[in-house]
PDB file of N, CA and C in Angstrom:
ATOM      1  N   MET A   1       0.817  -1.324   0.064  1.00  0.00           N
ATOM      2  CA  MET A   1       0.478  -0.378  -0.112  1.00  0.00           C
ATOM      3  C   MET A   1       0.636   1.280  -0.154  1.00  0.00           C
ATOM      4  N   LYS A   2       0.602   2.126  -1.207  1.00  0.00           N
ATOM      5  CA  LYS A   2       1.162   3.744  -1.153  1.00  0.00           C
ATOM      6  C   LYS A   2       0.708   4.536  -0.066  1.00  0.00           C
ATOM      7  N   VAL A   3       1.473   4.913   1.301  1.00  0.00           N
ATOM      8  CA  VAL A   3       1.078   5.939   2.309  1.00  0.00           C
ATOM      9  C   VAL A   3       1.930   7.273   1.991  1.00  0.00           C
ATOM     10  N   PHE A   4       0.712   8.309   1.587  1.00  0.00           N
ATOM     11  CA  PHE A   4       0.762   9.762   1.105  1.00  0.00           C
ATOM     12  C   PHE A   4       0.925  11.098   2.402  1.00  0.00           C
ATOM     13  N   ALA A   5       0.350  10.091   3.030  1.00  0.00           N
ATOM     14  CA  ALA A   5       0.309  10.845   4.570  1.00  0.00           C
ATOM     15  C   ALA A   5      -0.665  10.384   6.197  1.00  0.00           C
ATOM     16  N   ILE A   6      -0.653  11.604   6.941  1.00  0.00           N
ATOM     17  CA  ILE A   6      -1.231  10.559   8.349  1.00  0.00           C
ATOM     18  C   ILE A   6      -2.473  11.295   9.117  1.00  0.00           C
ATOM     19  N   LYS A   7      -2.771  11.807   9.731  1.00  0.00           N
ATOM     20  CA  LYS A   7      -3.872  12.097  10.497  1.00  0.00           C
ATOM     21  C   LYS A   7      -3.325  13.094  11.493  1.00  0.00           C
ATOM     22  N   LYS A   8      -4.139  14.197  11.402  1.00  0.00           N
ATOM     23  CA  LYS A   8      -2.956  15.034  12.037  1.00  0.00           C
ATOM     24  C   LYS A   8      -3.019  14.124  13.442  1.00  0.00           C
ATOM     25  N   GLU A   9      -4.917  13.613  13.902  1.00  0.00           N
ATOM     26  CA  GLU A   9      -4.730  13.512  15.574  1.00  0.00           C
ATOM     27  C   GLU A   9      -3.678  12.310  15.499  1.00  0.00           C
ATOM     28  N   THR A  10      -3.147  11.259  14.260  1.00  0.00           N
ATOM     29  CA  THR A  10      -2.692   9.928  14.591  1.00  0.00           C
ATOM     30  C   THR A  10      -1.273  10.759  15.261  1.00  0.00           C
ATOM     31  N   LEU A  11      -0.490  11.960  14.301  1.00  0.00           N
ATOM     32  CA  LEU A  11       0.574  12.741  14.617  1.00  0.00           C
ATOM     33  C   LEU A  11       0.570  12.663  16.273  1.00  0.00           C
ATOM     34  N   ARG A  12      -0.493  14.098  15.986  1.00  0.00           N
ATOM     35  CA  ARG A  12      -0.855  14.062  17.303  1.00  0.00           C
ATOM     36  C   ARG A  12      -0.599  12.961  18.447  1.00  0.00           C
ATOM     37  N   MET A  13      -1.357  12.345  18.225  1.00  0.00           N
ATOM     38  CA  MET A  13      -0.470  11.063  19.746  1.00  0.00           C
ATOM     39  C   MET A  13       0.329  10.415  19.529  1.00  0.00           C
ATOM     40  N   ALA A  14       1.331  10.013  18.622  1.00  0.00           N
ATOM     41  CA  ALA A  14       2.626  10.179  18.681  1.00  0.00           C
ATOM     42  C   ALA A  14       2.984  11.517  19.577  1.00  0.00           C
ATOM     43  N   LEU A  15       3.155  12.083  19.304  1.00  0.00           N
ATOM     44  CA  LEU A  15       3.792  13.503  19.882  1.00  0.00           C
ATOM     45  C   LEU A  15       3.333  13.773  21.520  1.00  0.00           C
ATOM     46  N   GLU A  16       2.281  13.194  21.749  1.00  0.00           N
ATOM     47  CA  GLU A  16       1.928  12.862  22.835  1.00  0.00           C
ATOM     48  C   GLU A  16       2.532  11.681  24.184  1.00  0.00           C
ATOM     49  N   VAL A  17       2.952  10.894  23.575  1.00  0.00           N
ATOM     50  CA  VAL A  17       3.187   9.948  23.502  1.00  0.00           C
ATOM     51  C   VAL A  17       4.861   9.888  24.187  1.00  0.00           C
ATOM     52  N   ALA A  18       5.523  10.369  23.190  1.00  0.00           N
ATOM     53  CA  ALA A  18       6.603  10.967  23.353  1.00  0.00           C
ATOM     54  C   ALA A  18       6.812  11.374  24.097  1.00  0.00           C
ATOM     55  N   ARG A  19       6.018  12.741  24.472  1.00  0.00           N
ATOM     56  CA  ARG A  19       6.101  13.759  25.604  1.00  0.00           C
ATOM     57  C   ARG A  19       5.967  12.701  26.775  1.00  0.00           C
ATOM     58  N   ASP A  20       5.010  11.969  26.876  1.00  0.00           N
ATOM     59  CA  ASP A  20       4.637  11.143  27.619  1.00  0.00           C
ATOM     60  C   ASP A  20       5.467  10.215  28.956  1.00  0.00           C
ATOM     61  N   SER A  21       6.654  10.153  27.330  1.00  0.00           N
ATOM     62  CA  SER A  21       7.460   8.417  27.577  1.00  0.00           C
ATOM     63  C   SER A  21       8.779   9.491  28.567  1.00  0.00           C
ATOM     64  N   TYR A  22       9.086  10.524  27.453  1.00  0.00           N
ATOM     65  CA  TYR A  22      10.457  11.453  27.855  1.00  0.00           C
ATOM     66  C   TYR A  22      11.073  11.097  29.336  1.00  0.00           C
ATOM     67  N   PRO A  23      12.093  11.030  29.668  1.00  0.00           N
ATOM     68  CA  PRO A  23      13.081  10.840  28.238  1.00  0.00           C
ATOM     69  C   PRO A  23      13.699   9.549  28.079  1.00  0.00           C
ATOM     70  N   LYS A  24      12.464   8.310  27.878  1.00  0.00           N
ATOM     71  CA  LYS A  24      12.765   6.978  27.779  1.00  0.00           C
ATOM     72  C   LYS A  24      11.805   7.189  26.196  1.00  0.00           C
ATOM     73  N   GLU A  25      12.639   6.533  25.010  1.00  0.00           N
ATOM     74  CA  GLU A  25      12.283   6.744  23.533  1.00  0.00           C
ATOM     75  C   GLU A  25      10.828   5.461  23.460  1.00  0.00           C
ATOM     76  N   PHE A  26      10.025   5.789  22.884  1.00  0.00           N
ATOM     77  CA  PHE A  26       8.434   4.927  23.153  1.00  0.00           C
ATOM     78  C   PHE A  26       8.340   4.301  21.129  1.00  0.00           C
ATOM     79  N   ALA A  27       8.013   3.334  21.600  1.00  0.00           N
ATOM     80  CA  ALA A  27       8.105   2.796  19.847  1.00  0.00           C
ATOM     81  C   ALA A  27       6.520   2.273  19.683  1.00  0.00           C
ATOM     82  N   ALA A  28       6.081   2.608  18.409  1.00  0.00           N
ATOM     83  CA  ALA A  28       4.374   2.371  18.397  1.00  0.00           C
ATOM     84  C   ALA A  28       4.452   1.850  16.434  1.00  0.00           C
ATOM     85  N   MET A  29       3.544   0.091  16.472  1.00  0.00           N
ATOM     86  CA  MET A  29       3.414  -0.141  14.636  1.00  0.00           C
ATOM     87  C   MET A  29       2.358   1.840  14.241  1.00  0.00           C
ATOM     88  N   LEU A  30       2.551   1.672  13.151  1.00  0.00           N
ATOM     89  CA  LEU A  30       2.038   2.314  12.514  1.00  0.00           C
ATOM     90  C   LEU A  30       0.737   2.246  11.632  1.00  0.00           C
ATOM     91  N   ARG A  31       0.046   1.826  11.344  1.00  0.00           N
ATOM     92  CA  ARG A  31      -1.669   1.170  10.262  1.00  0.00           C
ATOM     93  C   ARG A  31      -2.328   1.947   9.854  1.00  0.00           C
ATOM     94  N   ALA A  32      -2.629   1.879   8.083  1.00  0.00           N
ATOM     95  CA  ALA A  32      -3.366   2.627   7.514  1.00  0.00           C
ATOM     96  C   ALA A  32      -4.123   2.228   6.612  1.00  0.00           C
ATOM     97  N   ARG A  33      -4.908   3.485   5.954  1.00  0.00           N
ATOM     98  CA  ARG A  33      -6.357   2.848   5.506  1.00  0.00           C
ATOM     99  C   ARG A  33      -6.015   3.916   4.739  1.00  0.00           C
ATOM    100  N   GLU A  34      -6.549   2.667   3.586  1.00  0.00           N
ATOM    101  CA  GLU A  34      -6.235   3.787   1.632  1.00  0.00           C
ATOM    102  C   GLU A  34      -5.284   4.995   2.041  1.00  0.00           C
ATOM    103  N   GLY A  35      -4.318   3.938   2.379  1.00  0.00           N
ATOM    104  CA  GLY A  35      -3.157   5.768   2.300  1.00  0.00           C
ATOM    105  C   GLY A  35      -2.808   5.726   2.949  1.00  0.00           C
ATOM    106  N   VAL A  36      -3.379   6.555   4.310  1.00  0.00           N
ATOM    107  CA  VAL A  36      -3.328   7.436   5.281  1.00  0.00           C
ATOM    108  C   VAL A  36      -3.400   7.038   6.265  1.00  0.00           C
ATOM    109  N   ILE A  37      -2.100   7.262   7.183  1.00  0.00           N
ATOM    110  CA  ILE A  37      -2.092   6.386   8.519  1.00  0.00           C
ATOM    111  C   ILE A  37      -2.857   6.923   9.626  1.00  0.00           C
ATOM    112  N   THR A  38      -3.443   5.560  10.415  1.00  0.00           N
ATOM    113  CA  THR A  38      -4.877   6.560  10.950  1.00  0.00           C
ATOM    114  C   THR A  38      -4.635   5.950  12.199  1.00  0.00           C
ATOM    115  N   GLU A  39      -3.643   5.209  12.993  1.00  0.00           N
ATOM    116  CA  GLU A  39      -3.998   4.647  14.225  1.00  0.00           C
ATOM    117  C   GLU A  39      -1.910   4.331  13.998  1.00  0.00           C
ATOM    118  N   LEU A  40      -2.174   4.097  15.772  1.00  0.00           N
ATOM    119  CA  LEU A  40      -0.994   3.467  16.062  1.00  0.00           C
ATOM    120  C   LEU A  40      -1.253   2.419  16.506  1.00  0.00           C
ATOM    121  N   LEU A  41      -0.321   1.552  16.708  1.00  0.00           N
ATOM    122  CA  LEU A  41      -0.951  -0.226  17.493  1.00  0.00           C
ATOM    123  C   LEU A  41       0.530  -0.396  18.159  1.00  0.00           C
ATOM    124  N   PHE A  42       0.235  -0.519  19.518  1.00  0.00           N
ATOM    125  CA  PHE A  42       1.450  -0.759  20.995  1.00  0.00           C
ATOM    126  C   PHE A  42       0.932  -2.436  20.660  1.00  0.00           C
ATOM    127  N   LEU A  43       2.093  -2.796  20.901  1.00  0.00           N
ATOM    128  CA  LEU A  43       2.369  -4.305  21.144  1.00  0.00           C
ATOM    129  C   LEU A  43       2.549  -4.421  22.177  1.00  0.00           C
ATOM    130  N   PRO A  44       1.707  -5.802  22.991  1.00  0.00           N
ATOM    131  CA  PRO A  44       2.211  -6.044  24.203  1.00  0.00           C
ATOM    132  C   PRO A  44       3.338  -6.298  24.310  1.00  0.00           C
ATOM    133  N   GLY A  45       4.838  -6.180  25.240  1.00  0.00           N
ATOM    134  CA  GLY A  45       5.853  -5.942  25.342  1.00  0.00           C
ATOM    135  C   GLY A  45       6.865  -5.547  25.378  1.00  0.00           C
ATOM    136  N   THR A  46       6.196  -4.258  24.209  1.00  0.00           N
ATOM    137  CA  THR A  46       7.260  -3.589  24.115  1.00  0.00           C
ATOM    138  C   THR A  46       8.178  -2.960  25.547  1.00  0.00           C
ATOM    139  N   ILE A  47       9.104  -2.796  24.543  1.00  0.00           N
ATOM    140  CA  ILE A  47      10.169  -1.777  26.276  1.00  0.00           C
ATOM    141  C   ILE A  47      10.605  -0.496  25.485  1.00  0.00           C
ATOM    142  N   GLY A  48      10.474   0.958  26.493  1.00  0.00           N
ATOM    143  CA  GLY A  48      10.517   2.395  25.979  1.00  0.00           C
ATOM    144  C   GLY A  48      11.736   2.493  27.051  1.00  0.00           C
ATOM    145  N   ALA A  49      12.918   3.029  26.628  1.00  0.00           N
ATOM    146  CA  ALA A  49      14.256   2.790  27.843  1.00  0.00           C
ATOM    147  C   ALA A  49      15.256   4.635  27.453  1.00  0.00           C
ATOM    148  N   ASP A  50      16.599   4.555  27.640  1.00  0.00           N
ATOM    149  CA  ASP A  50      16.728   5.609  27.852  1.00  0.00           C
ATOM    150  C   ASP A  50      17.463   6.024  26.542  1.00  0.00           C
ATOM    151  N   ARG A  51      18.001   5.231  25.855  1.00  0.00           N
ATOM    152  CA  ARG A  51      18.623   5.426  24.294  1.00  0.00           C
ATOM    153  C   ARG A  51      17.800   4.075  23.325  1.00  0.00           C
ATOM    154  N   SER A  52      17.158   3.701  23.392  1.00  0.00           N
ATOM    155  CA  SER A  52      15.905   2.799  22.534  1.00  0.00           C
ATOM    156  C   SER A  52      15.097   2.246  23.217  1.00  0.00           C
ATOM    157  N   ALA A  53      14.059   1.431  21.888  1.00  0.00           N
ATOM    158  CA  ALA A  53      13.292   1.238  22.165  1.00  0.00           C
ATOM    159  C   ALA A  53      13.022  -0.271  21.349  1.00  0.00           C
ATOM    160  N   MET A  54      12.489  -1.414  22.375  1.00  0.00           N
ATOM    161  CA  MET A  54      12.447  -2.274  21.892  1.00  0.00           C
ATOM    162  C   MET A  54      10.827  -3.304  21.672  1.00  0.00           C
ATOM    163  N   ILE A  55      10.536  -3.240  20.326  1.00  0.00           N
ATOM    164  CA  ILE A  55       9.070  -3.938  20.280  1.00  0.00           C
ATOM    165  C   ILE A  55       9.664  -5.297  19.503  1.00  0.00           C
ATOM    166  N   PRO A  56       9.026  -6.332  20.131  1.00  0.00           N
ATOM    167  CA  PRO A  56       8.500  -8.197  19.802  1.00  0.00           C
ATOM    168  C   PRO A  56       7.945  -8.201  18.875  1.00  0.00           C
ATOM    169  N   PHE A  57       9.089  -7.795  17.601  1.00  0.00           N
ATOM    170  CA  PHE A  57       7.880  -8.543  16.365  1.00  0.00           C
ATOM    171  C   PHE A  57       6.612  -9.966  16.495  1.00  0.00           C
ATOM    172  N   TYR A  58       7.665 -10.183  17.540  1.00  0.00           N
ATOM    173  CA  TYR A  58       6.610 -11.722  17.732  1.00  0.00           C
ATOM    174  C   TYR A  58       5.155 -11.560  17.570  1.00  0.00           C
ATOM    175  N   MET A  59       5.217 -10.584  17.985  1.00  0.00           N
ATOM    176  CA  MET A  59       4.074 -10.033  19.230  1.00  0.00           C
ATOM    177  C   MET A  59       2.385  -9.491  17.781  1.00  0.00           C
ATOM    178  N   LYS A  60       3.332  -9.474  16.645  1.00  0.00           N
ATOM    179  CA  LYS A  60       2.948  -8.610  15.556  1.00  0.00           C
ATOM    180  C   LYS A  60       2.440  -9.564  15.153  1.00  0.00           C
ATOM    181  N   PRO A  61       0.484  -8.628  14.880  1.00  0.00           N
ATOM    182  CA  PRO A  61      -0.941  -9.475  14.249  1.00  0.00           C
ATOM    183  C   PRO A  61      -0.344  -9.604  12.620  1.00  0.00           C
ATOM    184  N   VAL A  62      -0.978 -10.376  12.166  1.00  0.00           N
ATOM    185  CA  VAL A  62      -0.550 -10.621  10.544  1.00  0.00           C
ATOM    186  C   VAL A  62      -1.913  -9.655  10.146  1.00  0.00           C
ATOM    187  N   ASP A  63      -1.887  -8.900   9.860  1.00  0.00           N
ATOM    188  CA  ASP A  63      -2.227  -7.077   9.301  1.00  0.00           C
ATOM    189  C   ASP A  63      -1.455  -7.139   8.354  1.00  0.00           C
ATOM    190  N   PHE A  64      -2.015  -6.796   6.943  1.00  0.00           N
ATOM    191  CA  PHE A  64      -1.357  -6.326   6.321  1.00  0.00           C
ATOM    192  C   PHE A  64      -2.186  -4.658   6.052  1.00  0.00           C
ATOM    193  N   SER A  65      -2.295  -3.906   7.201  1.00  0.00           N
ATOM    194  CA  SER A  65      -2.905  -2.307   7.242  1.00  0.00           C
ATOM    195  C   SER A  65      -1.445  -2.233   7.459  1.00  0.00           C
ATOM    196  N   ILE A  66      -0.699  -2.120   8.750  1.00  0.00           N
ATOM    197  CA  ILE A  66       0.338  -2.009   9.735  1.00  0.00           C
ATOM    198  C   ILE A  66       1.586  -2.121   8.508  1.00  0.00           C
ATOM    199  N   VAL A  67       2.017  -0.683   8.157  1.00  0.00           N
ATOM    200  CA  VAL A  67       2.725  -0.225   6.946  1.00  0.00           C
ATOM    201  C   VAL A  67       4.421   0.440   6.884  1.00  0.00           C
ATOM    202  N   GLY A  68       3.686   0.180   8.642  1.00  0.00           N
ATOM    203  CA  GLY A  68       5.928   0.385   9.438  1.00  0.00           C
ATOM    204  C   GLY A  68       5.917   1.782  11.133  1.00  0.00           C
ATOM    205  N   VAL A  69       6.980   1.773  11.085  1.00  0.00           N
ATOM    206  CA  VAL A  69       7.033   2.509  12.858  1.00  0.00           C
ATOM    207  C   VAL A  69       7.104   3.342  13.218  1.00  0.00           C
ATOM    208  N   VAL A  70       7.054   4.309  14.513  1.00  0.00           N
ATOM    209  CA  VAL A  70       6.653   5.501  14.648  1.00  0.00           C
ATOM    210  C   VAL A  70       7.571   5.219  16.220  1.00  0.00           C
ATOM    211  N   HIS A  71       8.546   5.643  16.188  1.00  0.00           N
ATOM    212  CA  HIS A  71       9.599   5.901  17.616  1.00  0.00           C
ATOM    213  C   HIS A  71      10.226   7.249  17.368  1.00  0.00           C
ATOM    214  N   SER A  72      10.881   7.329  19.386  1.00  0.00           N
ATOM    215  CA  SER A  72      10.796   8.576  19.394  1.00  0.00           C
ATOM    216  C   SER A  72      12.559   8.846  19.769  1.00  0.00           C
ATOM    217  N   HIS A  73      12.880   9.754  19.496  1.00  0.00           N
ATOM    218  CA  HIS A  73      14.261  10.113  20.086  1.00  0.00           C
ATOM    219  C   HIS A  73      14.055  11.287  21.112  1.00  0.00           C
ATOM    220  N   PRO A  74      15.119  11.004  21.702  1.00  0.00           N
ATOM    221  CA  PRO A  74      15.269  12.001  23.648  1.00  0.00           C
ATOM    222  C   PRO A  74      15.450  13.408  23.258  1.00  0.00           C
ATOM    223  N   THR A  75      16.248  13.197  22.088  1.00  0.00           N
ATOM    224  CA  THR A  75      17.556  14.758  21.779  1.00  0.00           C
ATOM    225  C   THR A  75      16.139  15.084  20.493  1.00  0.00           C
ATOM    226  N   PRO A  76      17.301  16.420  20.238  1.00  0.00           N
ATOM    227  CA  PRO A  76      16.338  17.040  19.123  1.00  0.00           C
ATOM    228  C   PRO A  76      16.789  16.593  17.215  1.00  0.00           C
ATOM    229  N   ASN A  77      17.457  14.858  17.178  1.00  0.00           N
ATOM    230  CA  ASN A  77      17.845  15.028  16.083  1.00  0.00           C
ATOM    231  C   ASN A  77      16.893  14.011  15.538  1.00  0.00           C
ATOM    232  N   LEU A  78      17.027  14.110  14.259  1.00  0.00           N
ATOM    233  CA  LEU A  78      15.434  13.486  13.327  1.00  0.00           C
ATOM    234  C   LEU A  78      16.357  12.280  12.721  1.00  0.00           C
ATOM    235  N   SER A  79      17.839  12.408  12.549  1.00  0.00           N
ATOM    236  CA  SER A  79      18.653  11.481  11.694  1.00  0.00           C
ATOM    237  C   SER A  79      18.255  10.053  12.200  1.00  0.00           C
ATOM    238  N   PRO A  80      17.517   9.089  11.107  1.00  0.00           N
ATOM    239  CA  PRO A  80      17.947   7.921  11.746  1.00  0.00           C
ATOM    240  C   PRO A  80      19.085   7.324  12.061  1.00  0.00           C
ATOM    241  N   SER A  81      19.570   6.463  13.075  1.00  0.00           N
ATOM    242  CA  SER A  81      20.670   6.366  13.819  1.00  0.00           C
ATOM    243  C   SER A  81      20.954   4.441  13.004  1.00  0.00           C
ATOM    244  N   GLN A  82      21.758   3.551  12.587  1.00  0.00           N
ATOM    245  CA  GLN A  82      21.755   2.426  12.306  1.00  0.00           C
ATOM    246  C   GLN A  82      21.060   1.756  12.529  1.00  0.00           C
ATOM    247  N   ALA A  83      20.799   1.633  13.304  1.00  0.00           N
ATOM    248  CA  ALA A  83      19.820   0.597  14.336  1.00  0.00           C
ATOM    249  C   ALA A  83      18.345   1.151  14.207  1.00  0.00           C
ATOM    250  N   ASP A  84      18.039   2.292  13.882  1.00  0.00           N
ATOM    251  CA  ASP A  84      16.733   2.352  13.084  1.00  0.00           C
ATOM    252  C   ASP A  84      16.794   2.056  12.212  1.00  0.00           C
ATOM    253  N   ILE A  85      17.889   2.482  10.778  1.00  0.00           N
ATOM    254  CA  ILE A  85      17.416   1.825  10.362  1.00  0.00           C
ATOM    255  C   ILE A  85      16.817   0.360   9.878  1.00  0.00           C
ATOM    256  N   ALA A  86      18.252  -0.715  10.885  1.00  0.00           N
ATOM    257  CA  ALA A  86      17.669  -2.346  10.982  1.00  0.00           C
ATOM    258  C   ALA A  86      16.509  -2.017  11.413  1.00  0.00           C
ATOM    259  N   LEU A  87      16.085  -1.368  11.919  1.00  0.00           N
ATOM    260  CA  LEU A  87      14.338  -1.349  12.902  1.00  0.00           C
ATOM    261  C   LEU A  87      13.934  -1.645  11.280  1.00  0.00           C
ATOM    262  N   PHE A  88      14.261  -0.268  10.741  1.00  0.00           N
ATOM    263  CA  PHE A  88      12.653   0.320   9.482  1.00  0.00           C
ATOM    264  C   PHE A  88      13.364  -0.933   8.438  1.00  0.00           C
ATOM    265  N   GLY A  89      13.669  -1.565   8.218  1.00  0.00           N
ATOM    266  CA  GLY A  89      14.262  -2.724   6.846  1.00  0.00           C
ATOM    267  C   GLY A  89      12.724  -4.175   7.204  1.00  0.00           C
ATOM    268  N   ARG A  90      12.749  -4.544   8.705  1.00  0.00           N
ATOM    269  CA  ARG A  90      12.269  -4.472   9.301  1.00  0.00           C
ATOM    270  C   ARG A  90      10.462  -5.074   9.148  1.00  0.00           C
ATOM    271  N   SER A  91      10.220  -3.626   9.373  1.00  0.00           N
ATOM    272  CA  SER A  91       9.020  -3.435   9.373  1.00  0.00           C
ATOM    273  C   SER A  91       8.133  -2.840   8.162  1.00  0.00           C
ATOM    274  N   GLY A  92       8.357  -2.846   7.972  1.00  0.00           N
ATOM    275  CA  GLY A  92       7.816  -1.843   6.875  1.00  0.00           C
ATOM    276  C   GLY A  92       8.116  -0.716   5.835  1.00  0.00           C
ATOM    277  N   ASP A  93       6.948   0.136   5.110  1.00  0.00           N
ATOM    278  CA  ASP A  93       7.694   0.988   4.507  1.00  0.00           C
ATOM    279  C   ASP A  93       7.631   1.893   4.251  1.00  0.00           C
ATOM    280  N   VAL A  94       6.979   2.341   5.083  1.00  0.00           N
ATOM    281  CA  VAL A  94       7.150   4.139   6.115  1.00  0.00           C
ATOM    282  C   VAL A  94       7.327   4.393   7.588  1.00  0.00           C
ATOM    283  N   HIS A  95       8.354   5.360   7.932  1.00  0.00           N
ATOM    284  CA  HIS A  95       8.445   5.021   9.378  1.00  0.00           C
ATOM    285  C   HIS A  95       8.490   6.955  10.341  1.00  0.00           C
ATOM    286  N   ILE A  96       8.303   6.826  11.401  1.00  0.00           N
ATOM    287  CA  ILE A  96       8.472   8.316  11.806  1.00  0.00           C
ATOM    288  C   ILE A  96       9.122   8.142  13.079  1.00  0.00           C
ATOM    289  N   ILE A  97      10.283   9.254  12.544  1.00  0.00           N
ATOM    290  CA  ILE A  97      10.938  10.091  13.910  1.00  0.00           C
ATOM    291  C   ILE A  97      10.302  10.757  14.587  1.00  0.00           C
ATOM    292  N   VAL A  98       9.845  10.884  16.108  1.00  0.00           N
ATOM    293  CA  VAL A  98       9.714  12.164  16.446  1.00  0.00           C
ATOM    294  C   VAL A  98      10.354  12.791  16.935  1.00  0.00           C
ATOM    295  N   ALA A  99      11.039  13.757  17.311  1.00  0.00           N
ATOM    296  CA  ALA A  99      12.302  13.836  18.148  1.00  0.00           C
ATOM    297  C   ALA A  99      11.941  15.546  19.284  1.00  0.00           C
ATOM    298  N   TYR A 100      12.537  14.968  20.333  1.00  0.00           N
ATOM    299  CA  TYR A 100      12.292  16.594  21.429  1.00  0.00           C
ATOM    300  C   TYR A 100      12.439  18.057  20.669  1.00  0.00           C
ATOM    301  N   PRO A 101      11.119  18.413  21.240  1.00  0.00           N
ATOM    302  CA  PRO A 101      10.383  18.651  22.222  1.00  0.00           C
ATOM    303  C   PRO A 101       8.843  18.143  21.697  1.00  0.00           C
ATOM    304  N   TYR A 102       8.675  17.677  20.518  1.00  0.00           N
ATOM    305  CA  TYR A 102       7.824  17.059  20.476  1.00  0.00           C
ATOM    306  C   TYR A 102       6.964  17.699  19.851  1.00  0.00           C
ATOM    307  N   THR A 103       7.216  18.787  19.273  1.00  0.00           N
ATOM    308  CA  THR A 103       6.097  19.547  18.537  1.00  0.00           C
ATOM    309  C   THR A 103       5.860  19.385  16.985  1.00  0.00           C
ATOM    310  N   GLU A 104       4.524  19.703  16.692  1.00  0.00           N
ATOM    311  CA  GLU A 104       4.419  18.990  15.587  1.00  0.00           C
ATOM    312  C   GLU A 104       5.433  19.458  14.077  1.00  0.00           C
ATOM    313  N   LYS A 105       5.892  20.468  14.201  1.00  0.00           N
ATOM    314  CA  LYS A 105       7.212  20.338  13.176  1.00  0.00           C
ATOM    315  C   LYS A 105       8.591  19.492  13.971  1.00  0.00           C
ATOM    316  N   SER A 106       8.710  18.975  14.939  1.00  0.00           N
ATOM    317  CA  SER A 106       9.736  17.846  14.983  1.00  0.00           C
ATOM    318  C   SER A 106       9.400  16.729  14.844  1.00  0.00           C
ATOM    319  N   TRP A 107       9.202  16.855  13.870  1.00  0.00           N
ATOM    320  CA  TRP A 107       8.870  14.775  12.759  1.00  0.00           C
ATOM    321  C   TRP A 107       9.738  14.658  11.940  1.00  0.00           C
ATOM    322  N   MET A 108      10.045  13.501  11.750  1.00  0.00           N
ATOM    323  CA  MET A 108      10.327  13.450   9.753  1.00  0.00           C
ATOM    324  C   MET A 108       9.712  11.499   9.248  1.00  0.00           C
ATOM    325  N   ALA A 109       9.680  11.666   8.427  1.00  0.00           N
ATOM    326  CA  ALA A 109       9.299  10.153   7.519  1.00  0.00           C
ATOM    327  C   ALA A 109      10.117   9.785   6.761  1.00  0.00           C
ATOM    328  N   PHE A 110      10.647   8.091   6.770  1.00  0.00           N
ATOM    329  CA  PHE A 110      11.375   7.877   6.104  1.00  0.00           C
ATOM    330  C   PHE A 110      11.052   6.572   5.135  1.00  0.00           C
ATOM    331  N   ASP A 111      11.996   5.944   4.777  1.00  0.00           N
ATOM    332  CA  ASP A 111      12.091   4.949   3.816  1.00  0.00           C
ATOM    333  C   ASP A 111      11.985   3.789   4.637  1.00  0.00           C
ATOM    334  N   ARG A 112      12.239   2.557   4.642  1.00  0.00           N
ATOM    335  CA  ARG A 112      12.552   1.187   4.569  1.00  0.00           C
ATOM    336  C   ARG A 112      14.477   2.056   4.466  1.00  0.00           C
ATOM    337  N   MET A 113      14.747   2.591   3.785  1.00  0.00           N
ATOM    338  CA  MET A 113      16.778   2.345   3.954  1.00  0.00           C
ATOM    339  C   MET A 113      16.730   3.724   4.737  1.00  0.00           C
ATOM    340  N   GLY A 114      16.005   4.741   4.845  1.00  0.00           N
ATOM    341  CA  GLY A 114      16.494   5.492   6.025  1.00  0.00           C
ATOM    342  C   GLY A 114      16.221   6.901   5.396  1.00  0.00           C
ATOM    343  N   ASN A 115      15.916   7.049   3.544  1.00  0.00           N
ATOM    344  CA  ASN A 115      15.461   8.519   3.012  1.00  0.00           C
ATOM    345  C   ASN A 115      14.764   9.134   3.144  1.00  0.00           C
ATOM    346  N   PRO A 116      14.903  10.171   3.670  1.00  0.00           N
ATOM    347  CA  PRO A 116      13.742  11.143   4.134  1.00  0.00           C
ATOM    348  C   PRO A 116      12.851  11.082   2.997  1.00  0.00           C
ATOM    349  N   ILE A 117      10.684  10.967   3.552  1.00  0.00           N
ATOM    350  CA  ILE A 117       9.656  11.432   2.103  1.00  0.00           C
ATOM    351  C   ILE A 117       8.990  12.088   3.021  1.00  0.00           C
ATOM    352  N   GLU A 118       8.161  12.051   2.176  1.00  0.00           N
ATOM    353  CA  GLU A 118       7.027  13.642   2.797  1.00  0.00           C
ATOM    354  C   GLU A 118       5.669  12.617   2.694  1.00  0.00           C
ATOM    355  N   LEU A 119       5.064  13.556   3.874  1.00  0.00           N
ATOM    356  CA  LEU A 119       3.852  12.677   4.693  1.00  0.00           C
ATOM    357  C   LEU A 119       3.130  13.915   4.281  1.00  0.00           C
ATOM    358  N   GLU A 120       1.624  14.231   3.980  1.00  0.00           N
ATOM    359  CA  GLU A 120       0.832  15.044   4.031  1.00  0.00           C
ATOM    360  C   GLU A 120       0.198  15.169   5.552  1.00  0.00           C
ATOM    361  N   VAL A 121      -0.339  16.026   6.322  1.00  0.00           N
ATOM    362  CA  VAL A 121      -0.572  15.730   7.688  1.00  0.00           C
ATOM    363  C   VAL A 121      -1.893  16.312   6.786  1.00  0.00           C
ATOM    364  N   LEU A 122      -3.528  15.200   7.178  1.00  0.00           N
ATOM    365  CA  LEU A 122      -4.631  15.752   7.432  1.00  0.00           C
ATOM    366  C   LEU A 122      -4.919  15.802   8.593  1.00  0.00           C
TER     367      LEU A 122
END
């Protein structure tokens, strides 16, 4: 599924969860419908830590509407790390990083290789 946008409410939820989790990172799966990311899916057993978040992929349901992962950085750095890119390669085609201070301007979307992509906010 080609993803081209994210619902504003979904983006705001990701930013709010990041603020609530700070200074630890958080991670969740992204669910899309008709090319628009509409939902965050929190897998049981996901662990947020100071410099990483670990997702138990064995808990991921068989669900073709899952298109990628969102996770937070507790610093203003939006660039994906090598570990982030490894995660991207295992978990879909669209990935979002939200960074401190978790405002509607402190996020970016990436493809599975870590290249920036545009997502419209609806």
